[in-house]
Amino acid sequence: MTSILVLGFLIGIRHAFEPDHVAAVASLTTRASSVRQAVRHGAAWGLGHTLTLFVVCGAVLIFNMTISEQLSHILEAVVGVMLIILGADVVYRVHRDRVHFHAHKHGDGKAHFHAHSHKGEKGTAHDAERHDHEHRSAFPTRALLVGLMHGMAGSAALIVLAVQTAESVATGLLYVALFGVGSIAGMALFTVVISIPMRSARTLTWAHNGLQTVIGGGTVAIGVFTVVTSVNF
């Protein structure tokens, strides 16, 4: 039993790096202003993904339910639409906000690079005093919701098939839990990796905006591909 549980954890890590997952979380982390916030987004996605899998797989094990192939493809198509929206939102924000980065200091003397939007400021002088602010760190609800949706997509059916071979309901649910922990760990690791070039690009405004546009455009492309393959299956 130990081997299948360890396998569940490792598969969970691998599962986090599927293209649609990576695209979604990369788009979500464009809203993060630090590595810590990026990791929170990745972990929230993993938590949502795990919660859905736990509920779905629990229903399969306890009530002997099944997921039809047609429903699986419908959910995949919904995820594709979600990716298109996420990617388009990133591209829209890049061109809407006209963000640039520069260094400034807070009242406590700490200095860091700060993003500033010039939306609605055309023809007006830049006011450095606007950077006197407090950084708030709210729970990344959007990332959690995206993770919940991803957990319902077609990849979840593979996990359902795996837990059906478990010795008991408890073992199956433990497998899903460890799979979820693996996916959370894998996505948190990915967000650390993706946030490094994103933060480095902040020293050059054009590089930052270009990277954001590439992430958004890539997410849209993966979303379109997901929808097309789901509809044509």
C-alpha atoms as a PDB file:
ATOM      1  CA  MET A   1       0.000   0.000   0.000  1.00  0.00           C
ATOM      2  CA  THR A   2       2.892   2.328   0.780  1.00  0.00           C
ATOM      3  CA  SER A   3       4.145   2.148  -2.791  1.00  0.00           C
ATOM      4  CA  ILE A   4       0.823   3.259  -4.313  1.00  0.00           C
ATOM      5  CA  LEU A   5       0.590   6.173  -1.858  1.00  0.00           C
ATOM      6  CA  VAL A   6       4.118   7.330  -2.688  1.00  0.00           C
ATOM      7  CA  LEU A   7       3.254   6.954  -6.345  1.00  0.00           C
ATOM      8  CA  GLY A   8       0.191   9.156  -5.817  1.00  0.00           C
ATOM      9  CA  PHE A   9       2.373  11.931  -4.360  1.00  0.00           C
ATOM     10  CA  LEU A  10       4.871  11.732  -7.237  1.00  0.00           C
ATOM     11  CA  ILE A  11       2.139  11.642  -9.876  1.00  0.00           C
ATOM     12  CA  GLY A  12       0.594  14.683  -8.193  1.00  0.00           C
ATOM     13  CA  ILE A  13       3.844  16.615  -8.654  1.00  0.00           C
ATOM     14  CA  ARG A  14       4.001  15.551 -12.293  1.00  0.00           C
ATOM     15  CA  HIS A  15       0.333  16.381 -12.808  1.00  0.00           C
ATOM     16  CA  ALA A  16       0.887  19.985 -11.715  1.00  0.00           C
ATOM     17  CA  PHE A  17       3.145  20.558 -14.739  1.00  0.00           C
ATOM     18  CA  GLU A  18       0.569  19.712 -17.402  1.00  0.00           C
ATOM     19  CA  PRO A  19       0.415  22.494 -20.025  1.00  0.00           C
ATOM     20  CA  ASP A  20      -3.070  23.759 -19.158  1.00  0.00           C
ATOM     21  CA  HIS A  21      -2.204  23.894 -15.450  1.00  0.00           C
ATOM     22  CA  VAL A  22       1.059  25.711 -16.077  1.00  0.00           C
ATOM     23  CA  ALA A  23      -0.644  28.199 -18.413  1.00  0.00           C
ATOM     24  CA  ALA A  24      -3.420  28.963 -15.928  1.00  0.00           C
ATOM     25  CA  VAL A  25      -1.140  29.500 -12.942  1.00  0.00           C
ATOM     26  CA  ALA A  26       1.397  31.484 -14.980  1.00  0.00           C
ATOM     27  CA  SER A  27      -1.428  33.848 -15.942  1.00  0.00           C
ATOM     28  CA  LEU A  28      -2.611  34.051 -12.336  1.00  0.00           C
ATOM     29  CA  THR A  29       0.865  34.872 -11.021  1.00  0.00           C
ATOM     30  CA  THR A  30       1.134  37.899 -13.307  1.00  0.00           C
ATOM     31  CA  ARG A  31      -0.939  39.581 -10.595  1.00  0.00           C
ATOM     32  CA  ALA A  32       1.611  38.702  -7.887  1.00  0.00           C
ATOM     33  CA  SER A  33       4.062  41.384  -6.758  1.00  0.00           C
ATOM     34  CA  SER A  34       6.487  39.046  -4.970  1.00  0.00           C
ATOM     35  CA  VAL A  35       7.712  35.461  -4.958  1.00  0.00           C
ATOM     36  CA  ARG A  36       5.733  34.871  -1.765  1.00  0.00           C
ATOM     37  CA  GLN A  37       2.496  36.022  -3.395  1.00  0.00           C
ATOM     38  CA  ALA A  38       3.259  33.897  -6.460  1.00  0.00           C
ATOM     39  CA  VAL A  39       3.695  30.821  -4.271  1.00  0.00           C
ATOM     40  CA  ARG A  40       0.386  31.626  -2.554  1.00  0.00           C
ATOM     41  CA  HIS A  41      -1.306  31.657  -5.970  1.00  0.00           C
ATOM     42  CA  GLY A  42       0.229  28.299  -6.889  1.00  0.00           C
ATOM     43  CA  ALA A  43      -0.659  26.729  -3.549  1.00  0.00           C
ATOM     44  CA  ALA A  44      -4.229  28.079  -3.731  1.00  0.00           C
ATOM     45  CA  TRP A  45      -4.606  26.555  -7.198  1.00  0.00           C
ATOM     46  CA  GLY A  46      -3.326  23.231  -5.852  1.00  0.00           C
ATOM     47  CA  LEU A  47      -5.709  23.412  -2.884  1.00  0.00           C
ATOM     48  CA  GLY A  48      -8.715  24.019  -5.132  1.00  0.00           C
ATOM     49  CA  HIS A  49      -7.619  21.235  -7.472  1.00  0.00           C
ATOM     50  CA  THR A  50      -7.252  18.845  -4.545  1.00  0.00           C
ATOM     51  CA  LEU A  51     -10.617  19.728  -2.973  1.00  0.00           C
ATOM     52  CA  THR A  52     -12.474  18.965  -6.198  1.00  0.00           C
ATOM     53  CA  LEU A  53     -10.613  15.702  -6.736  1.00  0.00           C
ATOM     54  CA  PHE A  54     -11.295  14.680  -3.147  1.00  0.00           C
ATOM     55  CA  VAL A  55     -15.038  15.304  -3.497  1.00  0.00           C
ATOM     56  CA  VAL A  56     -15.309  13.634  -6.918  1.00  0.00           C
ATOM     57  CA  CYS A  57     -13.197  10.619  -6.020  1.00  0.00           C
ATOM     58  CA  GLY A  58     -14.954  10.298  -2.671  1.00  0.00           C
ATOM     59  CA  ALA A  59     -18.308  10.132  -4.462  1.00  0.00           C
ATOM     60  CA  VAL A  60     -16.942   7.511  -6.857  1.00  0.00           C
ATOM     61  CA  LEU A  61     -15.627   5.354  -4.042  1.00  0.00           C
ATOM     62  CA  ILE A  62     -18.523   5.719  -1.614  1.00  0.00           C
ATOM     63  CA  PHE A  63     -21.485   5.765  -4.015  1.00  0.00           C
ATOM     64  CA  ASN A  64     -19.922   3.764  -6.866  1.00  0.00           C
ATOM     65  CA  MET A  65     -20.438   6.621  -9.303  1.00  0.00           C
ATOM     66  CA  THR A  66     -18.823   7.044 -12.707  1.00  0.00           C
ATOM     67  CA  ILE A  67     -17.809   9.985 -14.892  1.00  0.00           C
ATOM     68  CA  SER A  68     -19.028   9.683 -18.474  1.00  0.00           C
ATOM     69  CA  GLU A  69     -16.652  10.364 -21.337  1.00  0.00           C
ATOM     70  CA  GLN A  70     -19.008  13.020 -22.698  1.00  0.00           C
ATOM     71  CA  LEU A  71     -19.055  14.905 -19.388  1.00  0.00           C
ATOM     72  CA  SER A  72     -15.266  14.672 -19.212  1.00  0.00           C
ATOM     73  CA  HIS A  73     -14.912  16.361 -22.614  1.00  0.00           C
ATOM     74  CA  ILE A  74     -17.450  19.039 -21.699  1.00  0.00           C
ATOM     75  CA  LEU A  75     -15.456  19.890 -18.594  1.00  0.00           C
ATOM     76  CA  GLU A  76     -12.253  19.994 -20.639  1.00  0.00           C
ATOM     77  CA  ALA A  77     -13.903  22.460 -23.021  1.00  0.00           C
ATOM     78  CA  VAL A  78     -15.002  24.620 -20.073  1.00  0.00           C
ATOM     79  CA  VAL A  79     -11.413  24.660 -18.812  1.00  0.00           C
ATOM     80  CA  GLY A  80     -10.286  25.699 -22.291  1.00  0.00           C
ATOM     81  CA  VAL A  81     -12.695  28.648 -22.258  1.00  0.00           C
ATOM     82  CA  MET A  82     -11.434  29.571 -18.795  1.00  0.00           C
ATOM     83  CA  LEU A  83      -7.844  29.589 -20.087  1.00  0.00           C
ATOM     84  CA  ILE A  84      -8.810  31.841 -22.987  1.00  0.00           C
ATOM     85  CA  ILE A  85     -10.404  34.294 -20.546  1.00  0.00           C
ATOM     86  CA  LEU A  86      -7.392  34.207 -18.205  1.00  0.00           C
ATOM     87  CA  GLY A  87      -4.911  34.766 -21.022  1.00  0.00           C
ATOM     88  CA  ALA A  88      -6.965  37.514 -22.639  1.00  0.00           C
ATOM     89  CA  ASP A  89      -7.228  39.246 -19.269  1.00  0.00           C
ATOM     90  CA  VAL A  90      -3.425  39.294 -18.933  1.00  0.00           C
ATOM     91  CA  VAL A  91      -2.955  40.810 -22.390  1.00  0.00           C
ATOM     92  CA  TYR A  92      -5.733  43.326 -21.771  1.00  0.00           C
ATOM     93  CA  ARG A  93      -4.209  44.459 -18.471  1.00  0.00           C
ATOM     94  CA  VAL A  94      -0.786  44.939 -20.079  1.00  0.00           C
ATOM     95  CA  HIS A  95      -2.186  47.310 -22.690  1.00  0.00           C
ATOM     96  CA  ARG A  96      -4.720  48.952 -20.365  1.00  0.00           C
ATOM     97  CA  ASP A  97      -2.494  49.730 -17.407  1.00  0.00           C
ATOM     98  CA  ARG A  98       0.683  50.784 -19.228  1.00  0.00           C
ATOM     99  CA  VAL A  99       2.747  49.592 -16.281  1.00  0.00           C
ATOM    100  CA  HIS A 100       6.325  50.659 -15.635  1.00  0.00           C
ATOM    101  CA  PHE A 101       8.707  49.751 -12.840  1.00  0.00           C
ATOM    102  CA  HIS A 102      11.081  51.814 -10.772  1.00  0.00           C
ATOM    103  CA  ALA A 103      12.651  51.760  -7.312  1.00  0.00           C
ATOM    104  CA  HIS A 104      11.234  53.687  -4.375  1.00  0.00           C
ATOM    105  CA  LYS A 105      11.440  53.677  -0.597  1.00  0.00           C
ATOM    106  CA  HIS A 106       8.763  53.226   2.046  1.00  0.00           C
ATOM    107  CA  GLY A 107       8.611  55.159   5.284  1.00  0.00           C
ATOM    108  CA  ASP A 108      10.576  52.433   7.076  1.00  0.00           C
ATOM    109  CA  GLY A 109      13.498  52.901   4.689  1.00  0.00           C
ATOM    110  CA  LYS A 110      13.020  49.668   2.760  1.00  0.00           C
ATOM    111  CA  ALA A 111      13.504  50.005  -0.989  1.00  0.00           C
ATOM    112  CA  HIS A 112      12.107  47.792  -3.753  1.00  0.00           C
ATOM    113  CA  PHE A 113      10.917  47.891  -7.316  1.00  0.00           C
ATOM    114  CA  HIS A 114       7.339  49.007  -7.599  1.00  0.00           C
ATOM    115  CA  ALA A 115       4.811  48.618 -10.390  1.00  0.00           C
ATOM    116  CA  HIS A 116       2.984  51.782 -11.335  1.00  0.00           C
ATOM    117  CA  SER A 117       0.182  52.133 -13.847  1.00  0.00           C
ATOM    118  CA  HIS A 118      -0.156  55.204 -16.027  1.00  0.00           C
ATOM    119  CA  LYS A 119      -3.726  54.358 -16.990  1.00  0.00           C
ATOM    120  CA  GLY A 120      -5.672  57.571 -17.320  1.00  0.00           C
ATOM    121  CA  GLU A 121      -2.550  59.722 -16.834  1.00  0.00           C
ATOM    122  CA  LYS A 122      -1.799  60.609 -20.453  1.00  0.00           C
ATOM    123  CA  GLY A 123      -0.370  64.101 -20.604  1.00  0.00           C
ATOM    124  CA  THR A 124       0.032  64.409 -16.829  1.00  0.00           C
ATOM    125  CA  ALA A 125       3.172  64.394 -14.731  1.00  0.00           C
ATOM    126  CA  HIS A 126       4.119  61.325 -12.739  1.00  0.00           C
ATOM    127  CA  ASP A 127       3.471  61.805  -9.022  1.00  0.00           C
ATOM    128  CA  ALA A 128       6.073  59.957  -6.952  1.00  0.00           C
ATOM    129  CA  GLU A 129       4.010  60.503  -3.804  1.00  0.00           C
ATOM    130  CA  ARG A 130       1.454  58.027  -5.095  1.00  0.00           C
ATOM    131  CA  HIS A 131       3.863  55.262  -4.135  1.00  0.00           C
ATOM    132  CA  ASP A 132       3.304  55.875  -0.423  1.00  0.00           C
ATOM    133  CA  HIS A 133       1.086  52.917   0.317  1.00  0.00           C
ATOM    134  CA  GLU A 134       0.630  49.696   2.247  1.00  0.00           C
ATOM    135  CA  HIS A 135       0.956  46.309   0.594  1.00  0.00           C
ATOM    136  CA  ARG A 136      -2.036  44.099   1.253  1.00  0.00           C
ATOM    137  CA  SER A 137      -1.950  40.349   0.822  1.00  0.00           C
ATOM    138  CA  ALA A 138      -5.440  38.940   0.342  1.00  0.00           C
ATOM    139  CA  PHE A 139      -6.150  35.259  -0.123  1.00  0.00           C
ATOM    140  CA  PRO A 140      -5.874  34.414  -3.866  1.00  0.00           C
ATOM    141  CA  THR A 141      -9.509  33.412  -4.339  1.00  0.00           C
ATOM    142  CA  ARG A 142      -9.253  33.527  -8.124  1.00  0.00           C
ATOM    143  CA  ALA A 143      -6.466  30.928  -8.079  1.00  0.00           C
ATOM    144  CA  LEU A 144      -8.532  28.719  -5.766  1.00  0.00           C
ATOM    145  CA  LEU A 145     -11.545  28.882  -8.113  1.00  0.00           C
ATOM    146  CA  VAL A 146      -9.399  28.078 -11.156  1.00  0.00           C
ATOM    147  CA  GLY A 147      -7.978  25.087  -9.282  1.00  0.00           C
ATOM    148  CA  LEU A 148     -11.476  23.909  -8.395  1.00  0.00           C
ATOM    149  CA  MET A 149     -12.430  24.012 -12.070  1.00  0.00           C
ATOM    150  CA  HIS A 150      -9.271  22.221 -13.146  1.00  0.00           C
ATOM    151  CA  GLY A 151     -10.027  19.441 -10.688  1.00  0.00           C
ATOM    152  CA  MET A 152     -13.297  18.754 -12.488  1.00  0.00           C
ATOM    153  CA  ALA A 153     -11.689  18.488 -15.913  1.00  0.00           C
ATOM    154  CA  GLY A 154     -10.849  15.343 -17.815  1.00  0.00           C
ATOM    155  CA  SER A 155      -7.586  14.673 -15.981  1.00  0.00           C
ATOM    156  CA  ALA A 156      -9.630  14.059 -12.835  1.00  0.00           C
ATOM    157  CA  ALA A 157     -11.126  10.978 -14.470  1.00  0.00           C
ATOM    158  CA  LEU A 158      -7.661   9.396 -14.516  1.00  0.00           C
ATOM    159  CA  ILE A 159      -7.411   9.773 -10.764  1.00  0.00           C
ATOM    160  CA  VAL A 160     -10.887   8.315 -10.343  1.00  0.00           C
ATOM    161  CA  LEU A 161      -9.770   5.218 -12.247  1.00  0.00           C
ATOM    162  CA  ALA A 162      -6.699   4.946 -10.028  1.00  0.00           C
ATOM    163  CA  VAL A 163      -8.597   5.128  -6.730  1.00  0.00           C
ATOM    164  CA  GLN A 164     -11.075   2.538  -7.946  1.00  0.00           C
ATOM    165  CA  THR A 165      -8.258   0.003  -7.623  1.00  0.00           C
ATOM    166  CA  ALA A 166      -7.611   0.944  -3.987  1.00  0.00           C
ATOM    167  CA  GLU A 167      -8.105  -1.645  -1.271  1.00  0.00           C
ATOM    168  CA  SER A 168     -10.630   0.490   0.620  1.00  0.00           C
ATOM    169  CA  VAL A 169     -12.355   3.862   0.589  1.00  0.00           C
ATOM    170  CA  ALA A 170      -9.890   5.162   3.190  1.00  0.00           C
ATOM    171  CA  THR A 171      -6.906   4.088   1.093  1.00  0.00           C
ATOM    172  CA  GLY A 172      -8.390   5.641  -2.023  1.00  0.00           C
ATOM    173  CA  LEU A 173      -9.033   8.961  -0.290  1.00  0.00           C
ATOM    174  CA  LEU A 174      -5.543   8.931   1.208  1.00  0.00           C
ATOM    175  CA  TYR A 175      -4.167   8.381  -2.297  1.00  0.00           C
ATOM    176  CA  VAL A 176      -6.104  11.411  -3.558  1.00  0.00           C
ATOM    177  CA  ALA A 177      -4.935  13.493  -0.592  1.00  0.00           C
ATOM    178  CA  LEU A 178      -1.286  12.653  -1.257  1.00  0.00           C
ATOM    179  CA  PHE A 179      -1.818  13.273  -4.960  1.00  0.00           C
ATOM    180  CA  GLY A 180      -3.186  16.677  -3.998  1.00  0.00           C
ATOM    181  CA  VAL A 181      -0.252  17.443  -1.722  1.00  0.00           C
ATOM    182  CA  GLY A 182       2.047  16.535  -4.599  1.00  0.00           C
ATOM    183  CA  SER A 183       0.195  18.847  -6.980  1.00  0.00           C
ATOM    184  CA  ILE A 184       0.342  21.699  -4.435  1.00  0.00           C
ATOM    185  CA  ALA A 185       4.080  21.176  -3.970  1.00  0.00           C
ATOM    186  CA  GLY A 186       4.684  20.934  -7.711  1.00  0.00           C
ATOM    187  CA  MET A 187       2.737  24.090  -8.490  1.00  0.00           C
ATOM    188  CA  ALA A 188       4.353  26.018  -5.637  1.00  0.00           C
ATOM    189  CA  LEU A 189       7.739  25.041  -7.079  1.00  0.00           C
ATOM    190  CA  PHE A 190       6.647  26.168 -10.539  1.00  0.00           C
ATOM    191  CA  THR A 191       5.488  29.547  -9.276  1.00  0.00           C
ATOM    192  CA  VAL A 192       8.877  30.119  -7.641  1.00  0.00           C
ATOM    193  CA  VAL A 193      10.602  29.320 -10.932  1.00  0.00           C
ATOM    194  CA  ILE A 194       8.272  31.462 -13.080  1.00  0.00           C
ATOM    195  CA  SER A 195       8.360  34.396 -10.670  1.00  0.00           C
ATOM    196  CA  ILE A 196      12.156  34.744 -10.899  1.00  0.00           C
ATOM    197  CA  PRO A 197      12.293  35.892 -14.560  1.00  0.00           C
ATOM    198  CA  MET A 198       9.119  37.921 -14.040  1.00  0.00           C
ATOM    199  CA  ARG A 199      10.686  39.812 -11.132  1.00  0.00           C
ATOM    200  CA  SER A 200      13.992  40.194 -12.963  1.00  0.00           C
ATOM    201  CA  ALA A 201      12.147  41.717 -15.916  1.00  0.00           C
ATOM    202  CA  ARG A 202      10.826  44.465 -13.687  1.00  0.00           C
ATOM    203  CA  THR A 203      14.108  46.330 -14.053  1.00  0.00           C
ATOM    204  CA  LEU A 204      13.154  46.748 -17.699  1.00  0.00           C
ATOM    205  CA  THR A 205       9.576  47.812 -18.304  1.00  0.00           C
ATOM    206  CA  TRP A 206       9.510  46.566 -21.898  1.00  0.00           C
ATOM    207  CA  ALA A 207      10.799  43.134 -20.847  1.00  0.00           C
ATOM    208  CA  HIS A 208       8.154  42.841 -18.135  1.00  0.00           C
ATOM    209  CA  ASN A 209       5.291  43.823 -20.420  1.00  0.00           C
ATOM    210  CA  GLY A 210       6.639  41.585 -23.181  1.00  0.00           C
ATOM    211  CA  LEU A 211       6.839  38.589 -20.852  1.00  0.00           C
ATOM    212  CA  GLN A 212       3.316  39.267 -19.593  1.00  0.00           C
ATOM    213  CA  THR A 213       2.045  39.405 -23.185  1.00  0.00           C
ATOM    214  CA  VAL A 214       3.778  36.125 -24.063  1.00  0.00           C
ATOM    215  CA  ILE A 215       2.241  34.418 -21.014  1.00  0.00           C
ATOM    216  CA  GLY A 216      -1.201  35.760 -21.836  1.00  0.00           C
ATOM    217  CA  GLY A 217      -0.968  34.864 -25.508  1.00  0.00           C
ATOM    218  CA  GLY A 218       0.356  31.393 -24.729  1.00  0.00           C
ATOM    219  CA  THR A 219      -2.486  30.792 -22.282  1.00  0.00           C
ATOM    220  CA  VAL A 220      -5.035  31.818 -24.915  1.00  0.00           C
ATOM    221  CA  ALA A 221      -3.417  29.470 -27.447  1.00  0.00           C
ATOM    222  CA  ILE A 222      -3.513  26.504 -25.046  1.00  0.00           C
ATOM    223  CA  GLY A 223      -7.108  27.352 -24.220  1.00  0.00           C
ATOM    224  CA  VAL A 224      -8.104  27.357 -27.887  1.00  0.00           C
ATOM    225  CA  PHE A 225      -6.293  24.054 -28.431  1.00  0.00           C
ATOM    226  CA  THR A 226      -8.070  22.533 -25.417  1.00  0.00           C
ATOM    227  CA  VAL A 227     -11.485  23.620 -26.649  1.00  0.00           C
ATOM    228  CA  VAL A 228     -10.869  22.406 -30.212  1.00  0.00           C
ATOM    229  CA  THR A 229      -9.592  18.983 -29.149  1.00  0.00           C
ATOM    230  CA  SER A 230     -12.461  18.544 -26.679  1.00  0.00           C
ATOM    231  CA  VAL A 231     -15.147  19.452 -29.241  1.00  0.00           C
ATOM    232  CA  ASN A 232     -13.639  17.363 -32.035  1.00  0.00           C
ATOM    233  CA  PHE A 233     -13.033  14.250 -29.939  1.00  0.00           C
END
